[in-house]
Amino acid sequence: MALTTAPDPTRRGPGTDRAHAEKRGPGRIRHSEGLAGYVFLSPWLIGLMGITAVPMLLSLYLSFTNYDILTPFSEAQWVGLANYERMFTADPSYWHSVRVTLTFALVAVPLKLAAALGVALLLNRAWRGVGLFRGLFYLPSLLGGSVALAIVWVNMFNRDGAFNSLLSLFGIEGKPWVNDPDWALQTLMVLAIWQFGAPMVIFLAGLKQVPTELYEAASVDGAGRFSQFRNITLPMLSPVIFFNLVLETINGFQGFTAAFVLSNGTGGPVDSTLMYTLNLYITGFTDLEMGYASAMAWVFLLAIAVITAIFFSTGRFWVHYSDGEDR
């Protein structure tokens, strides 16, 4: 008589273990991949929270308080909308800095983009050594808003600077450009326009994407250079122009380093270079009115957001994309 043993329901065979492993495997892989992704993102997330998000929220709170950086944060005195009321109704230096910044942006940004586009058109040719010239024109943009470049610029436009020495060769008497209230802001504009390398490179990339067949067809139809530029180059480059316009406008409103160095942090001479960001710095770190400076910063942020929104809302009327759809 043969004895039979009933199978133990709690015992798992090799096939069962393999099936469970395969069943749980994809989930474990996705979990481990997600965990690894968060680990690699953690430096950026920590920076976002510690350097951007949390300070922004604190500055929003401080904009409704009377606070200076020498007292504990807990002693900030709540004043409600008093800082904003003072800004718009009782602070003439604030509106002066707004006018200076608007003047700088409205003059320097268009001229900078025009210079960048003009040089890009000249360098968009198969000339010998054109790569060297592209690099030389781009070089000033690598220096950016550095303090060293601003110091060199100030020395160039002093009364005994290189610019006046050049004018003397033609019998023209120079001026102390950086110390003259009528010309100090213009020297900052020239510095900003001179750094047209970054938008120039972007314009060059856009010009490379314009089909040469369009120019050939226009030439066959008798269109001249100016007509080709107006009817082919500008429409095809409109997305690139829009991109550069938005970026350079924001950069123009954020100008700080050159104005700070030229005026030794005062906005002089006679507040002629008192840019908005410089006025904000003076208010917060020189006058120690951090609550009022925070209010100025938030108004500045909202103003740039509104200007950017205007660009995007009006761009659909003049920005044309190659797919035939205007956005």
C-alpha atoms as a PDB file:
ATOM      1  CA  MET A   1       0.000   0.000   0.000  1.00  0.00           C
ATOM      2  CA  ALA A   2       1.557   3.250  -1.197  1.00  0.00           C
ATOM      3  CA  LEU A   3       1.505   6.282   1.002  1.00  0.00           C
ATOM      4  CA  THR A   4       0.857   9.696  -0.590  1.00  0.00           C
ATOM      5  CA  THR A   5       1.661  13.056   0.931  1.00  0.00           C
ATOM      6  CA  ALA A   6      -0.649  15.968   0.354  1.00  0.00           C
ATOM      7  CA  PRO A   7       1.078  19.062  -1.020  1.00  0.00           C
ATOM      8  CA  ASP A   8       1.817  21.764   1.510  1.00  0.00           C
ATOM      9  CA  PRO A   9      -0.107  24.900   0.433  1.00  0.00           C
ATOM     10  CA  THR A  10       2.354  27.191   2.216  1.00  0.00           C
ATOM     11  CA  ARG A  11       5.362  25.874   0.333  1.00  0.00           C
ATOM     12  CA  ARG A  12       6.473  27.741  -2.804  1.00  0.00           C
ATOM     13  CA  GLY A  13       8.201  26.087  -5.664  1.00  0.00           C
ATOM     14  CA  PRO A  14      10.842  27.575  -7.948  1.00  0.00           C
ATOM     15  CA  GLY A  15       8.236  28.499 -10.507  1.00  0.00           C
ATOM     16  CA  THR A  16       6.121  30.315  -7.944  1.00  0.00           C
ATOM     17  CA  ASP A  17       9.076  32.365  -6.655  1.00  0.00           C
ATOM     18  CA  ARG A  18      10.042  33.306 -10.183  1.00  0.00           C
ATOM     19  CA  ALA A  19       6.503  34.396 -10.975  1.00  0.00           C
ATOM     20  CA  HIS A  20       6.325  36.572  -7.848  1.00  0.00           C
ATOM     21  CA  ALA A  21       9.726  38.110  -8.588  1.00  0.00           C
ATOM     22  CA  GLU A  22       8.713  38.912 -12.143  1.00  0.00           C
ATOM     23  CA  LYS A  23       5.462  40.361 -10.881  1.00  0.00           C
ATOM     24  CA  ARG A  24       7.140  42.621  -8.358  1.00  0.00           C
ATOM     25  CA  GLY A  25      10.222  43.405 -10.473  1.00  0.00           C
ATOM     26  CA  PRO A  26       8.927  46.254 -12.664  1.00  0.00           C
ATOM     27  CA  GLY A  27       7.475  48.069  -9.656  1.00  0.00           C
ATOM     28  CA  ARG A  28      10.718  47.786  -7.757  1.00  0.00           C
ATOM     29  CA  ILE A  29      12.653  49.013 -10.783  1.00  0.00           C
ATOM     30  CA  ARG A  30      10.364  52.001 -11.204  1.00  0.00           C
ATOM     31  CA  HIS A  31      10.643  52.781  -7.503  1.00  0.00           C
ATOM     32  CA  SER A  32      14.432  52.594  -7.558  1.00  0.00           C
ATOM     33  CA  GLU A  33      14.623  54.710 -10.710  1.00  0.00           C
ATOM     34  CA  GLY A  34      12.317  57.295  -9.179  1.00  0.00           C
ATOM     35  CA  LEU A  35      14.395  57.357  -6.004  1.00  0.00           C
ATOM     36  CA  ALA A  36      17.590  57.766  -8.027  1.00  0.00           C
ATOM     37  CA  GLY A  37      15.996  60.624  -9.969  1.00  0.00           C
ATOM     38  CA  TYR A  38      15.123  62.469  -6.766  1.00  0.00           C
ATOM     39  CA  VAL A  39      18.644  61.901  -5.456  1.00  0.00           C
ATOM     40  CA  PHE A  40      20.159  63.469  -8.571  1.00  0.00           C
ATOM     41  CA  LEU A  41      17.616  66.305  -8.455  1.00  0.00           C
ATOM     42  CA  SER A  42      18.185  66.964  -4.762  1.00  0.00           C
ATOM     43  CA  PRO A  43      20.936  69.630  -5.252  1.00  0.00           C
ATOM     44  CA  TRP A  44      18.647  71.590  -7.566  1.00  0.00           C
ATOM     45  CA  LEU A  45      15.628  71.124  -5.278  1.00  0.00           C
ATOM     46  CA  ILE A  46      17.633  72.241  -2.234  1.00  0.00           C
ATOM     47  CA  GLY A  47      18.884  75.265  -4.159  1.00  0.00           C
ATOM     48  CA  LEU A  48      15.370  76.078  -5.379  1.00  0.00           C
ATOM     49  CA  MET A  49      13.951  76.003  -1.874  1.00  0.00           C
ATOM     50  CA  GLY A  50      16.882  77.540  -0.004  1.00  0.00           C
ATOM     51  CA  ILE A  51      18.012  80.173  -2.518  1.00  0.00           C
ATOM     52  CA  THR A  52      14.852  81.046  -4.454  1.00  0.00           C
ATOM     53  CA  ALA A  53      11.482  79.931  -3.055  1.00  0.00           C
ATOM     54  CA  VAL A  54      11.963  80.518   0.679  1.00  0.00           C
ATOM     55  CA  PRO A  55      13.768  83.900   0.279  1.00  0.00           C
ATOM     56  CA  MET A  56      11.044  85.051  -2.120  1.00  0.00           C
ATOM     57  CA  LEU A  57       8.314  84.206   0.383  1.00  0.00           C
ATOM     58  CA  LEU A  58      10.250  85.924   3.164  1.00  0.00           C
ATOM     59  CA  SER A  59      10.737  89.038   1.037  1.00  0.00           C
ATOM     60  CA  LEU A  60       7.005  89.059   0.278  1.00  0.00           C
ATOM     61  CA  TYR A  61       6.321  89.070   4.006  1.00  0.00           C
ATOM     62  CA  LEU A  62       8.961  91.735   4.643  1.00  0.00           C
ATOM     63  CA  SER A  63       7.392  93.994   2.007  1.00  0.00           C
ATOM     64  CA  PHE A  64       4.508  94.509   4.427  1.00  0.00           C
ATOM     65  CA  THR A  65       6.782  95.299   7.369  1.00  0.00           C
ATOM     66  CA  ASN A  66       9.154  97.952   8.648  1.00  0.00           C
ATOM     67  CA  TYR A  67      12.389  95.990   8.964  1.00  0.00           C
ATOM     68  CA  ASP A  68      16.112  96.523   8.759  1.00  0.00           C
ATOM     69  CA  ILE A  69      18.785  93.858   8.518  1.00  0.00           C
ATOM     70  CA  LEU A  70      20.354  94.737  11.889  1.00  0.00           C
ATOM     71  CA  THR A  71      17.405  93.655  14.031  1.00  0.00           C
ATOM     72  CA  PRO A  72      16.079  90.117  14.551  1.00  0.00           C
ATOM     73  CA  PHE A  73      13.600  88.912  11.979  1.00  0.00           C
ATOM     74  CA  SER A  74      10.997  88.347  14.693  1.00  0.00           C
ATOM     75  CA  GLU A  75      10.988  92.075  15.513  1.00  0.00           C
ATOM     76  CA  ALA A  76       9.793  93.138  12.070  1.00  0.00           C
ATOM     77  CA  GLN A  77       6.931  95.602  12.511  1.00  0.00           C
ATOM     78  CA  TRP A  78       3.849  94.923  10.379  1.00  0.00           C
ATOM     79  CA  VAL A  79       2.818  98.070   8.459  1.00  0.00           C
ATOM     80  CA  GLY A  80       0.511  96.620   5.833  1.00  0.00           C
ATOM     81  CA  LEU A  81       0.515  98.496   2.525  1.00  0.00           C
ATOM     82  CA  ALA A  82       2.437 101.493   3.899  1.00  0.00           C
ATOM     83  CA  ASN A  83       5.590 100.627   1.918  1.00  0.00           C
ATOM     84  CA  TYR A  84       3.665 100.432  -1.353  1.00  0.00           C
ATOM     85  CA  GLU A  85       1.809 103.669  -0.578  1.00  0.00           C
ATOM     86  CA  ARG A  86       5.074 105.438   0.120  1.00  0.00           C
ATOM     87  CA  MET A  87       6.586 104.052  -3.070  1.00  0.00           C
ATOM     88  CA  PHE A  88       3.871 105.363  -5.348  1.00  0.00           C
ATOM     89  CA  THR A  89       2.997 108.630  -3.601  1.00  0.00           C
ATOM     90  CA  ALA A  90       5.842 109.908  -1.416  1.00  0.00           C
ATOM     91  CA  ASP A  91       9.189 108.844  -2.860  1.00  0.00           C
ATOM     92  CA  PRO A  92      10.451 111.001  -5.763  1.00  0.00           C
ATOM     93  CA  SER A  93      13.724 109.050  -5.975  1.00  0.00           C
ATOM     94  CA  TYR A  94      11.726 105.913  -6.755  1.00  0.00           C
ATOM     95  CA  TRP A  95      10.053 107.464  -9.789  1.00  0.00           C
ATOM     96  CA  HIS A  96      13.353 108.986 -10.862  1.00  0.00           C
ATOM     97  CA  SER A  97      14.940 105.515 -10.876  1.00  0.00           C
ATOM     98  CA  VAL A  98      11.973 104.241 -12.907  1.00  0.00           C
ATOM     99  CA  ARG A  99      12.518 106.977 -15.508  1.00  0.00           C
ATOM    100  CA  VAL A 100      16.259 106.288 -15.685  1.00  0.00           C
ATOM    101  CA  THR A 101      15.682 102.555 -16.132  1.00  0.00           C
ATOM    102  CA  LEU A 102      13.005 103.043 -18.790  1.00  0.00           C
ATOM    103  CA  THR A 103      15.250 105.449 -20.693  1.00  0.00           C
ATOM    104  CA  PHE A 104      18.130 103.009 -20.553  1.00  0.00           C
ATOM    105  CA  ALA A 105      16.022 100.040 -21.708  1.00  0.00           C
ATOM    106  CA  LEU A 106      14.140 101.893 -24.457  1.00  0.00           C
ATOM    107  CA  VAL A 107      17.368 103.187 -25.998  1.00  0.00           C
ATOM    108  CA  ALA A 108      19.966 100.514 -25.333  1.00  0.00           C
ATOM    109  CA  VAL A 109      17.912  97.386 -26.091  1.00  0.00           C
ATOM    110  CA  PRO A 110      16.773  98.315 -29.643  1.00  0.00           C
ATOM    111  CA  LEU A 111      20.232  99.597 -30.571  1.00  0.00           C
ATOM    112  CA  LYS A 112      21.856  96.478 -29.164  1.00  0.00           C
ATOM    113  CA  LEU A 113      19.553  94.207 -31.158  1.00  0.00           C
ATOM    114  CA  ALA A 114      20.072  96.293 -34.310  1.00  0.00           C
ATOM    115  CA  ALA A 115      23.846  96.050 -33.901  1.00  0.00           C
ATOM    116  CA  ALA A 116      23.622  92.298 -33.270  1.00  0.00           C
ATOM    117  CA  LEU A 117      21.458  91.716 -36.346  1.00  0.00           C
ATOM    118  CA  GLY A 118      23.626  93.921 -38.564  1.00  0.00           C
ATOM    119  CA  VAL A 119      26.851  92.163 -37.581  1.00  0.00           C
ATOM    120  CA  ALA A 120      25.147  88.761 -37.891  1.00  0.00           C
ATOM    121  CA  LEU A 121      24.168  89.600 -41.474  1.00  0.00           C
ATOM    122  CA  LEU A 122      27.767  90.579 -42.244  1.00  0.00           C
ATOM    123  CA  LEU A 123      29.176  87.412 -40.674  1.00  0.00           C
ATOM    124  CA  ASN A 124      26.655  85.105 -42.329  1.00  0.00           C
ATOM    125  CA  ARG A 125      28.980  84.636 -45.283  1.00  0.00           C
ATOM    126  CA  ALA A 126      31.650  82.140 -46.269  1.00  0.00           C
ATOM    127  CA  TRP A 127      34.547  84.537 -45.870  1.00  0.00           C
ATOM    128  CA  ARG A 128      38.059  83.483 -45.004  1.00  0.00           C
ATOM    129  CA  GLY A 129      38.589  83.905 -41.276  1.00  0.00           C
ATOM    130  CA  VAL A 130      34.917  84.605 -40.581  1.00  0.00           C
ATOM    131  CA  GLY A 131      35.050  82.243 -37.593  1.00  0.00           C
ATOM    132  CA  LEU A 132      37.731  84.412 -35.986  1.00  0.00           C
ATOM    133  CA  PHE A 133      35.617  87.534 -36.385  1.00  0.00           C
ATOM    134  CA  ARG A 134      32.608  85.769 -34.904  1.00  0.00           C
ATOM    135  CA  GLY A 135      34.640  84.867 -31.859  1.00  0.00           C
ATOM    136  CA  LEU A 136      36.007  88.408 -31.487  1.00  0.00           C
ATOM    137  CA  PHE A 137      32.545  89.953 -31.682  1.00  0.00           C
ATOM    138  CA  TYR A 138      31.206  87.427 -29.182  1.00  0.00           C
ATOM    139  CA  LEU A 139      34.089  87.913 -26.730  1.00  0.00           C
ATOM    140  CA  PRO A 140      32.655  91.002 -24.911  1.00  0.00           C
ATOM    141  CA  SER A 141      29.517  89.034 -24.028  1.00  0.00           C
ATOM    142  CA  LEU A 142      31.628  86.422 -22.252  1.00  0.00           C
ATOM    143  CA  LEU A 143      32.698  89.094 -19.783  1.00  0.00           C
ATOM    144  CA  GLY A 144      29.039  89.842 -19.014  1.00  0.00           C
ATOM    145  CA  GLY A 145      28.346  92.288 -16.205  1.00  0.00           C
ATOM    146  CA  SER A 146      31.725  91.874 -14.580  1.00  0.00           C
ATOM    147  CA  VAL A 147      33.137  94.489 -12.225  1.00  0.00           C
ATOM    148  CA  ALA A 148      36.500  94.434 -14.025  1.00  0.00           C
ATOM    149  CA  LEU A 149      34.881  95.338 -17.336  1.00  0.00           C
ATOM    150  CA  ALA A 150      32.943  98.181 -15.710  1.00  0.00           C
ATOM    151  CA  ILE A 151      36.151  99.561 -14.158  1.00  0.00           C
ATOM    152  CA  VAL A 152      37.905  99.453 -17.542  1.00  0.00           C
ATOM    153  CA  TRP A 153      34.949 101.212 -19.131  1.00  0.00           C
ATOM    154  CA  VAL A 154      34.950 103.968 -16.517  1.00  0.00           C
ATOM    155  CA  ASN A 155      38.671 104.548 -17.041  1.00  0.00           C
ATOM    156  CA  MET A 156      38.185 104.687 -20.816  1.00  0.00           C
ATOM    157  CA  PHE A 157      35.617 107.472 -20.516  1.00  0.00           C
ATOM    158  CA  ASN A 158      37.347 109.570 -17.864  1.00  0.00           C
ATOM    159  CA  ARG A 159      38.664 112.986 -18.823  1.00  0.00           C
ATOM    160  CA  ASP A 160      42.121 111.475 -19.371  1.00  0.00           C
ATOM    161  CA  GLY A 161      40.790 108.224 -20.775  1.00  0.00           C
ATOM    162  CA  ALA A 162      41.381 106.511 -24.096  1.00  0.00           C
ATOM    163  CA  PHE A 163      38.193 107.864 -25.684  1.00  0.00           C
ATOM    164  CA  ASN A 164      39.195 111.490 -25.144  1.00  0.00           C
ATOM    165  CA  SER A 165      42.688 110.693 -26.407  1.00  0.00           C
ATOM    166  CA  LEU A 166      41.123 109.360 -29.593  1.00  0.00           C
ATOM    167  CA  LEU A 167      38.987 112.481 -29.968  1.00  0.00           C
ATOM    168  CA  SER A 168      42.028 114.701 -29.514  1.00  0.00           C
ATOM    169  CA  LEU A 169      43.570 113.169 -32.636  1.00  0.00           C
ATOM    170  CA  PHE A 170      40.747 114.777 -34.620  1.00  0.00           C
ATOM    171  CA  GLY A 171      40.945 118.075 -32.752  1.00  0.00           C
ATOM    172  CA  ILE A 172      37.844 117.418 -30.661  1.00  0.00           C
ATOM    173  CA  GLU A 173      37.888 118.388 -27.010  1.00  0.00           C
ATOM    174  CA  GLY A 174      36.708 115.597 -24.777  1.00  0.00           C
ATOM    175  CA  LYS A 175      34.566 115.643 -21.652  1.00  0.00           C
ATOM    176  CA  PRO A 176      34.575 113.834 -18.321  1.00  0.00           C
ATOM    177  CA  TRP A 177      31.856 111.584 -19.712  1.00  0.00           C
ATOM    178  CA  VAL A 178      31.307 109.448 -16.622  1.00  0.00           C
ATOM    179  CA  ASN A 179      31.218 112.505 -14.348  1.00  0.00           C
ATOM    180  CA  ASP A 180      28.867 114.551 -16.519  1.00  0.00           C
ATOM    181  CA  PRO A 181      25.179 114.118 -15.565  1.00  0.00           C
ATOM    182  CA  ASP A 182      24.191 114.667 -19.205  1.00  0.00           C
ATOM    183  CA  TRP A 183      26.409 111.850 -20.496  1.00  0.00           C
ATOM    184  CA  ALA A 184      26.944 109.327 -17.688  1.00  0.00           C
ATOM    185  CA  LEU A 185      23.890 107.239 -18.561  1.00  0.00           C
ATOM    186  CA  GLN A 186      24.852 107.302 -22.247  1.00  0.00           C
ATOM    187  CA  THR A 187      28.206 105.715 -21.428  1.00  0.00           C
ATOM    188  CA  LEU A 188      26.324 102.861 -19.752  1.00  0.00           C
ATOM    189  CA  MET A 189      24.177 102.510 -22.862  1.00  0.00           C
ATOM    190  CA  VAL A 190      27.254 102.279 -25.078  1.00  0.00           C
ATOM    191  CA  LEU A 191      28.652  99.572 -22.810  1.00  0.00           C
ATOM    192  CA  ALA A 192      25.407  97.587 -23.045  1.00  0.00           C
ATOM    193  CA  ILE A 193      25.251  97.965 -26.837  1.00  0.00           C
ATOM    194  CA  TRP A 194      28.887  96.912 -27.184  1.00  0.00           C
ATOM    195  CA  GLN A 195      28.047  93.573 -25.565  1.00  0.00           C
ATOM    196  CA  PHE A 196      25.862  92.415 -28.454  1.00  0.00           C
ATOM    197  CA  GLY A 197      27.669  89.103 -28.926  1.00  0.00           C
ATOM    198  CA  ALA A 198      25.058  86.820 -27.350  1.00  0.00           C
ATOM    199  CA  PRO A 199      22.078  87.989 -29.462  1.00  0.00           C
ATOM    200  CA  MET A 200      24.388  88.088 -32.486  1.00  0.00           C
ATOM    201  CA  VAL A 201      25.104  84.357 -32.147  1.00  0.00           C
ATOM    202  CA  ILE A 202      21.386  83.633 -31.842  1.00  0.00           C
ATOM    203  CA  PHE A 203      20.694  85.730 -34.950  1.00  0.00           C
ATOM    204  CA  LEU A 204      23.408  83.822 -36.802  1.00  0.00           C
ATOM    205  CA  ALA A 205      21.763  80.523 -35.880  1.00  0.00           C
ATOM    206  CA  GLY A 206      18.437  81.860 -37.149  1.00  0.00           C
ATOM    207  CA  LEU A 207      19.944  83.067 -40.424  1.00  0.00           C
ATOM    208  CA  LYS A 208      21.369  79.607 -41.054  1.00  0.00           C
ATOM    209  CA  GLN A 209      17.820  78.238 -40.979  1.00  0.00           C
ATOM    210  CA  VAL A 210      16.489  80.551 -43.702  1.00  0.00           C
ATOM    211  CA  PRO A 211      16.224  78.517 -46.939  1.00  0.00           C
ATOM    212  CA  THR A 212      18.490  79.892 -49.662  1.00  0.00           C
ATOM    213  CA  GLU A 213      15.837  78.945 -52.232  1.00  0.00           C
ATOM    214  CA  LEU A 214      13.731  81.861 -51.047  1.00  0.00           C
ATOM    215  CA  TYR A 215      16.487  84.366 -51.845  1.00  0.00           C
ATOM    216  CA  GLU A 216      17.142  82.722 -55.206  1.00  0.00           C
ATOM    217  CA  ALA A 217      13.465  82.887 -56.135  1.00  0.00           C
ATOM    218  CA  ALA A 218      13.284  86.529 -55.012  1.00  0.00           C
ATOM    219  CA  SER A 219      16.354  87.385 -57.109  1.00  0.00           C
ATOM    220  CA  VAL A 220      14.774  85.794 -60.158  1.00  0.00           C
ATOM    221  CA  ASP A 221      11.678  87.938 -59.582  1.00  0.00           C
ATOM    222  CA  GLY A 222      13.853  91.053 -59.470  1.00  0.00           C
ATOM    223  CA  ALA A 223      13.778  91.739 -55.728  1.00  0.00           C
ATOM    224  CA  GLY A 224      16.697  93.767 -54.425  1.00  0.00           C
ATOM    225  CA  ARG A 225      18.678  93.283 -51.204  1.00  0.00           C
ATOM    226  CA  PHE A 226      16.477  95.572 -49.143  1.00  0.00           C
ATOM    227  CA  SER A 227      13.294  93.947 -50.432  1.00  0.00           C
ATOM    228  CA  GLN A 228      14.669  90.494 -49.632  1.00  0.00           C
ATOM    229  CA  PHE A 229      15.609  91.627 -46.151  1.00  0.00           C
ATOM    230  CA  ARG A 230      12.174  93.103 -45.490  1.00  0.00           C
ATOM    231  CA  ASN A 231      10.061  90.341 -47.037  1.00  0.00           C
ATOM    232  CA  ILE A 232      12.166  87.238 -46.353  1.00  0.00           C
ATOM    233  CA  THR A 233      14.808  87.763 -43.673  1.00  0.00           C
ATOM    234  CA  LEU A 234      12.726  89.661 -41.120  1.00  0.00           C
ATOM    235  CA  PRO A 235       9.633  87.396 -41.292  1.00  0.00           C
ATOM    236  CA  MET A 236      11.752  84.238 -41.130  1.00  0.00           C
ATOM    237  CA  LEU A 237      13.754  85.664 -38.231  1.00  0.00           C
ATOM    238  CA  SER A 238      10.721  86.945 -36.308  1.00  0.00           C
ATOM    239  CA  PRO A 239      10.774  84.075 -33.738  1.00  0.00           C
ATOM    240  CA  VAL A 240      14.472  84.729 -33.098  1.00  0.00           C
ATOM    241  CA  ILE A 241      13.876  88.480 -32.893  1.00  0.00           C
ATOM    242  CA  PHE A 242      11.078  87.864 -30.403  1.00  0.00           C
ATOM    243  CA  PHE A 243      13.310  85.617 -28.285  1.00  0.00           C
ATOM    244  CA  ASN A 244      16.152  88.137 -28.218  1.00  0.00           C
ATOM    245  CA  LEU A 245      13.766  91.020 -27.563  1.00  0.00           C
ATOM    246  CA  VAL A 246      12.279  89.383 -24.478  1.00  0.00           C
ATOM    247  CA  LEU A 247      15.647  88.345 -23.025  1.00  0.00           C
ATOM    248  CA  GLU A 248      17.426  91.626 -23.702  1.00  0.00           C
ATOM    249  CA  THR A 249      14.538  93.700 -22.373  1.00  0.00           C
ATOM    250  CA  ILE A 250      14.631  91.793 -19.100  1.00  0.00           C
ATOM    251  CA  ASN A 251      18.423  92.154 -18.972  1.00  0.00           C
ATOM    252  CA  GLY A 252      18.098  95.870 -19.692  1.00  0.00           C
ATOM    253  CA  PHE A 253      15.776  96.407 -16.764  1.00  0.00           C
ATOM    254  CA  GLN A 254      18.086  94.408 -14.496  1.00  0.00           C
ATOM    255  CA  GLY A 255      21.212  96.471 -15.189  1.00  0.00           C
ATOM    256  CA  PHE A 256      23.190  96.999 -11.987  1.00  0.00           C
ATOM    257  CA  THR A 257      26.954  96.315 -12.012  1.00  0.00           C
ATOM    258  CA  ALA A 258      28.094  99.021 -14.424  1.00  0.00           C
ATOM    259  CA  ALA A 259      25.892 101.671 -12.779  1.00  0.00           C
ATOM    260  CA  PHE A 260      27.176 100.660  -9.346  1.00  0.00           C
ATOM    261  CA  VAL A 261      30.844 100.833 -10.367  1.00  0.00           C
ATOM    262  CA  LEU A 262      30.499 104.070 -12.337  1.00  0.00           C
ATOM    263  CA  SER A 263      28.753 105.890  -9.498  1.00  0.00           C
ATOM    264  CA  ASN A 264      30.570 104.192  -6.582  1.00  0.00           C
ATOM    265  CA  GLY A 265      27.229 102.830  -5.464  1.00  0.00           C
ATOM    266  CA  THR A 266      25.453 106.190  -5.269  1.00  0.00           C
ATOM    267  CA  GLY A 267      23.666 106.466  -8.615  1.00  0.00           C
ATOM    268  CA  GLY A 268      25.529 109.681  -9.417  1.00  0.00           C
ATOM    269  CA  PRO A 269      26.457 112.024 -10.779  1.00  0.00           C
ATOM    270  CA  VAL A 270      23.266 113.801  -9.643  1.00  0.00           C
ATOM    271  CA  ASP A 271      21.342 110.500  -9.725  1.00  0.00           C
ATOM    272  CA  SER A 272      21.794 110.291 -13.505  1.00  0.00           C
ATOM    273  CA  THR A 273      22.666 106.564 -13.291  1.00  0.00           C
ATOM    274  CA  LEU A 274      20.242 105.651 -10.514  1.00  0.00           C
ATOM    275  CA  MET A 275      18.932 102.448 -12.078  1.00  0.00           C
ATOM    276  CA  TYR A 276      16.004 100.705 -10.402  1.00  0.00           C
ATOM    277  CA  THR A 277      18.081  97.799  -9.119  1.00  0.00           C
ATOM    278  CA  LEU A 278      20.748 100.181  -7.812  1.00  0.00           C
ATOM    279  CA  ASN A 279      18.103 102.210  -6.001  1.00  0.00           C
ATOM    280  CA  LEU A 280      16.767  98.978  -4.527  1.00  0.00           C
ATOM    281  CA  TYR A 281      20.257  98.033  -3.339  1.00  0.00           C
ATOM    282  CA  ILE A 282      20.854 101.443  -1.771  1.00  0.00           C
ATOM    283  CA  THR A 283      17.494 101.314  -0.016  1.00  0.00           C
ATOM    284  CA  GLY A 284      18.031  97.859   1.433  1.00  0.00           C
ATOM    285  CA  PHE A 285      21.746  97.733   2.220  1.00  0.00           C
ATOM    286  CA  THR A 286      22.781 101.379   2.624  1.00  0.00           C
ATOM    287  CA  ASP A 287      19.683 102.936   4.140  1.00  0.00           C
ATOM    288  CA  LEU A 288      18.854  99.625   5.893  1.00  0.00           C
ATOM    289  CA  GLU A 289      15.175  99.792   4.881  1.00  0.00           C
ATOM    290  CA  MET A 290      14.838  96.146   3.941  1.00  0.00           C
ATOM    291  CA  GLY A 291      11.055  96.110   4.190  1.00  0.00           C
ATOM    292  CA  TYR A 292      10.728  98.975   1.728  1.00  0.00           C
ATOM    293  CA  ALA A 293      13.359  97.419  -0.546  1.00  0.00           C
ATOM    294  CA  SER A 294      11.404  94.149  -0.559  1.00  0.00           C
ATOM    295  CA  ALA A 295       8.309  96.034  -1.677  1.00  0.00           C
ATOM    296  CA  MET A 296      10.337  97.619  -4.477  1.00  0.00           C
ATOM    297  CA  ALA A 297      11.580  94.179  -5.524  1.00  0.00           C
ATOM    298  CA  TRP A 298       8.064  92.742  -5.786  1.00  0.00           C
ATOM    299  CA  VAL A 299       6.800  95.692  -7.813  1.00  0.00           C
ATOM    300  CA  PHE A 300       9.811  95.216 -10.087  1.00  0.00           C
ATOM    301  CA  LEU A 301       9.003  91.518 -10.501  1.00  0.00           C
ATOM    302  CA  LEU A 302       5.379  92.255 -11.353  1.00  0.00           C
ATOM    303  CA  ALA A 303       6.398  94.976 -13.818  1.00  0.00           C
ATOM    304  CA  ILE A 304       8.716  92.610 -15.699  1.00  0.00           C
ATOM    305  CA  ALA A 305       5.985  89.951 -15.695  1.00  0.00           C
ATOM    306  CA  VAL A 306       3.509  92.442 -17.199  1.00  0.00           C
ATOM    307  CA  ILE A 307       5.986  93.562 -19.874  1.00  0.00           C
ATOM    308  CA  THR A 308       6.738  89.948 -20.778  1.00  0.00           C
ATOM    309  CA  ALA A 309       3.011  89.179 -20.962  1.00  0.00           C
ATOM    310  CA  ILE A 310       2.537  92.154 -23.305  1.00  0.00           C
ATOM    311  CA  PHE A 311       5.297  90.832 -25.560  1.00  0.00           C
ATOM    312  CA  PHE A 312       3.689  87.403 -25.725  1.00  0.00           C
ATOM    313  CA  SER A 313       0.188  88.775 -26.295  1.00  0.00           C
ATOM    314  CA  THR A 314       1.307  91.062 -29.138  1.00  0.00           C
ATOM    315  CA  GLY A 315       3.782  88.604 -30.625  1.00  0.00           C
ATOM    316  CA  ARG A 316       1.044  86.686 -32.422  1.00  0.00           C
ATOM    317  CA  PHE A 317       0.553  89.685 -34.706  1.00  0.00           C
ATOM    318  CA  TRP A 318       4.116  89.809 -35.998  1.00  0.00           C
ATOM    319  CA  VAL A 319       5.894  86.559 -35.086  1.00  0.00           C
ATOM    320  CA  HIS A 320       5.647  83.995 -37.890  1.00  0.00           C
ATOM    321  CA  TYR A 321       6.745  80.375 -37.558  1.00  0.00           C
ATOM    322  CA  SER A 322       7.907  78.128 -40.358  1.00  0.00           C
ATOM    323  CA  ASP A 323       5.042  75.678 -39.784  1.00  0.00           C
ATOM    324  CA  GLY A 324       2.610  78.383 -40.816  1.00  0.00           C
ATOM    325  CA  GLU A 325       1.033  78.711 -37.385  1.00  0.00           C
ATOM    326  CA  ASP A 326       1.353  81.931 -35.437  1.00  0.00           C
ATOM    327  CA  ARG A 327       1.321  81.518 -31.695  1.00  0.00           C
END
